[in-house]
Amino acid sequence: MSEGKIVVPVTIEQHQEGGYLAVCEEIQGCHAAGDTIQEAVQNIEEVAEMMWELCTEKHLPMPPLLAGYRPGISIEARIVNSEQASPTNG
């Protein structure tokens, strides 16, 4: 992991009705959908940032993976496994 970046491992699942779901098992409740894999990945990056903001503002327990995050550091979702999907499908 390079300085200035938090890597969030995600799995991608293809919905039978269309679209994709990105899930980060390391951050409880961190998941996002999209019409393409790329959109789902971008959305989960935003969700992870929103979860950090919520935990900070409400003084909730911080997921360990997000503990080093602060504004100005990027969050990068990295596909570690996918079901019925590949990164080039989006």
C-alpha atoms as a PDB file:
ATOM      1  CA  MET A   1       0.000   0.000   0.000  1.00  0.00           C
ATOM      2  CA  SER A   2       1.496   3.341  -0.979  1.00  0.00           C
ATOM      3  CA  GLU A   3       1.359   6.395   1.272  1.00  0.00           C
ATOM      4  CA  GLY A   4      -1.691   8.506   0.768  1.00  0.00           C
ATOM      5  CA  LYS A   5      -3.932   5.613  -0.241  1.00  0.00           C
ATOM      6  CA  ILE A   6      -6.136   3.113   1.569  1.00  0.00           C
ATOM      7  CA  VAL A   7      -6.815  -0.048  -0.414  1.00  0.00           C
ATOM      8  CA  VAL A   8     -10.229  -1.580   0.179  1.00  0.00           C
ATOM      9  CA  PRO A   9     -10.485  -5.211  -0.978  1.00  0.00           C
ATOM     10  CA  VAL A  10     -13.807  -5.936  -2.668  1.00  0.00           C
ATOM     11  CA  THR A  11     -15.578  -8.821  -4.282  1.00  0.00           C
ATOM     12  CA  ILE A  12     -17.883  -8.292  -7.231  1.00  0.00           C
ATOM     13  CA  GLU A  13     -21.128 -10.176  -7.696  1.00  0.00           C
ATOM     14  CA  GLN A  14     -23.245 -10.014 -10.820  1.00  0.00           C
ATOM     15  CA  HIS A  15     -26.973  -9.559 -10.218  1.00  0.00           C
ATOM     16  CA  GLN A  16     -29.253 -11.890 -12.153  1.00  0.00           C
ATOM     17  CA  GLU A  17     -31.500  -8.940 -12.977  1.00  0.00           C
ATOM     18  CA  GLY A  18     -28.503  -6.918 -14.225  1.00  0.00           C
ATOM     19  CA  GLY A  19     -25.847  -4.768 -12.643  1.00  0.00           C
ATOM     20  CA  TYR A  20     -23.139  -5.560 -10.136  1.00  0.00           C
ATOM     21  CA  LEU A  21     -22.634  -5.478  -6.389  1.00  0.00           C
ATOM     22  CA  ALA A  22     -19.276  -4.597  -4.812  1.00  0.00           C
ATOM     23  CA  VAL A  23     -18.814  -5.857  -1.242  1.00  0.00           C
ATOM     24  CA  CYS A  24     -15.994  -5.221   1.244  1.00  0.00           C
ATOM     25  CA  GLU A  25     -16.105  -8.024   3.805  1.00  0.00           C
ATOM     26  CA  GLU A  26     -13.550  -6.213   6.000  1.00  0.00           C
ATOM     27  CA  ILE A  27     -15.880  -3.256   6.637  1.00  0.00           C
ATOM     28  CA  GLN A  28     -19.268  -4.303   7.995  1.00  0.00           C
ATOM     29  CA  GLY A  29     -22.080  -2.878   5.886  1.00  0.00           C
ATOM     30  CA  CYS A  30     -19.783  -1.594   3.139  1.00  0.00           C
ATOM     31  CA  HIS A  31     -21.338  -2.498  -0.196  1.00  0.00           C
ATOM     32  CA  ALA A  32     -22.509  -0.675  -3.304  1.00  0.00           C
ATOM     33  CA  ALA A  33     -24.262  -1.458  -6.569  1.00  0.00           C
ATOM     34  CA  GLY A  34     -23.712  -0.208 -10.083  1.00  0.00           C
ATOM     35  CA  ASP A  35     -24.784  -0.850 -13.644  1.00  0.00           C
ATOM     36  CA  THR A  36     -21.170  -1.738 -14.504  1.00  0.00           C
ATOM     37  CA  ILE A  37     -18.279  -3.141 -12.490  1.00  0.00           C
ATOM     38  CA  GLN A  38     -16.518   0.213 -12.740  1.00  0.00           C
ATOM     39  CA  GLU A  39     -19.563   2.044 -11.364  1.00  0.00           C
ATOM     40  CA  ALA A  40     -19.931  -0.413  -8.466  1.00  0.00           C
ATOM     41  CA  VAL A  41     -16.233   0.010  -7.621  1.00  0.00           C
ATOM     42  CA  GLN A  42     -16.460   3.811  -7.714  1.00  0.00           C
ATOM     43  CA  ASN A  43     -19.596   3.704  -5.575  1.00  0.00           C
ATOM     44  CA  ILE A  44     -18.014   1.496  -2.896  1.00  0.00           C
ATOM     45  CA  GLU A  45     -15.074   3.895  -2.645  1.00  0.00           C
ATOM     46  CA  GLU A  46     -17.566   6.663  -1.900  1.00  0.00           C
ATOM     47  CA  VAL A  47     -19.433   4.459   0.594  1.00  0.00           C
ATOM     48  CA  ALA A  48     -16.190   3.693   2.469  1.00  0.00           C
ATOM     49  CA  GLU A  49     -15.456   7.419   2.734  1.00  0.00           C
ATOM     50  CA  MET A  50     -18.995   8.129   3.939  1.00  0.00           C
ATOM     51  CA  MET A  51     -18.654   5.391   6.560  1.00  0.00           C
ATOM     52  CA  TRP A  52     -15.441   7.024   7.835  1.00  0.00           C
ATOM     53  CA  GLU A  53     -17.220  10.396   8.000  1.00  0.00           C
ATOM     54  CA  LEU A  54     -20.171   8.887   9.881  1.00  0.00           C
ATOM     55  CA  CYS A  55     -17.959   7.102  12.413  1.00  0.00           C
ATOM     56  CA  THR A  56     -15.929  10.290  12.949  1.00  0.00           C
ATOM     57  CA  GLU A  57     -18.922  12.607  13.316  1.00  0.00           C
ATOM     58  CA  LYS A  58     -20.988  10.274  15.513  1.00  0.00           C
ATOM     59  CA  HIS A  59     -18.033   8.889  17.515  1.00  0.00           C
ATOM     60  CA  LEU A  60     -18.834   5.340  16.415  1.00  0.00           C
ATOM     61  CA  PRO A  61     -16.324   2.483  16.371  1.00  0.00           C
ATOM     62  CA  MET A  62     -14.023   2.916  13.368  1.00  0.00           C
ATOM     63  CA  PRO A  63     -13.490  -0.112  11.123  1.00  0.00           C
ATOM     64  CA  PRO A  64      -9.767  -0.974  11.433  1.00  0.00           C
ATOM     65  CA  LEU A  65      -9.284  -0.754   7.671  1.00  0.00           C
ATOM     66  CA  LEU A  66     -10.395   2.897   7.717  1.00  0.00           C
ATOM     67  CA  ALA A  67      -8.503   3.913  10.879  1.00  0.00           C
ATOM     68  CA  GLY A  68      -5.656   5.498   8.889  1.00  0.00           C
ATOM     69  CA  TYR A  69      -7.923   7.451   6.559  1.00  0.00           C
ATOM     70  CA  ARG A  70      -8.214  11.225   6.647  1.00  0.00           C
ATOM     71  CA  PRO A  71      -9.333  13.803   4.079  1.00  0.00           C
ATOM     72  CA  GLY A  72      -6.763  14.047   1.314  1.00  0.00           C
ATOM     73  CA  ILE A  73      -5.986  10.329   1.313  1.00  0.00           C
ATOM     74  CA  SER A  74      -7.575   8.382  -1.499  1.00  0.00           C
ATOM     75  CA  ILE A  75      -9.606   5.223  -1.047  1.00  0.00           C
ATOM     76  CA  GLU A  76      -9.033   2.664  -3.778  1.00  0.00           C
ATOM     77  CA  ALA A  77     -11.274  -0.369  -4.131  1.00  0.00           C
ATOM     78  CA  ARG A  78      -9.315  -3.346  -5.417  1.00  0.00           C
ATOM     79  CA  ILE A  79     -11.141  -6.369  -6.790  1.00  0.00           C
ATOM     80  CA  VAL A  80      -9.842  -9.476  -5.050  1.00  0.00           C
ATOM     81  CA  ASN A  81     -12.405 -11.986  -6.279  1.00  0.00           C
ATOM     82  CA  SER A  82     -15.456 -11.888  -8.463  1.00  0.00           C
ATOM     83  CA  GLU A  83     -18.416 -14.116  -9.129  1.00  0.00           C
ATOM     84  CA  GLN A  84     -19.533 -14.276 -12.764  1.00  0.00           C
ATOM     85  CA  ALA A  85     -17.661 -11.072 -13.476  1.00  0.00           C
ATOM     86  CA  SER A  86     -14.258  -9.827 -14.522  1.00  0.00           C
ATOM     87  CA  PRO A  87     -12.770  -6.325 -14.282  1.00  0.00           C
ATOM     88  CA  THR A  88     -12.926  -5.974 -18.069  1.00  0.00           C
ATOM     89  CA  ASN A  89     -16.707  -6.482 -18.207  1.00  0.00           C
ATOM     90  CA  GLY A  90     -17.448  -2.939 -17.069  1.00  0.00           C
END
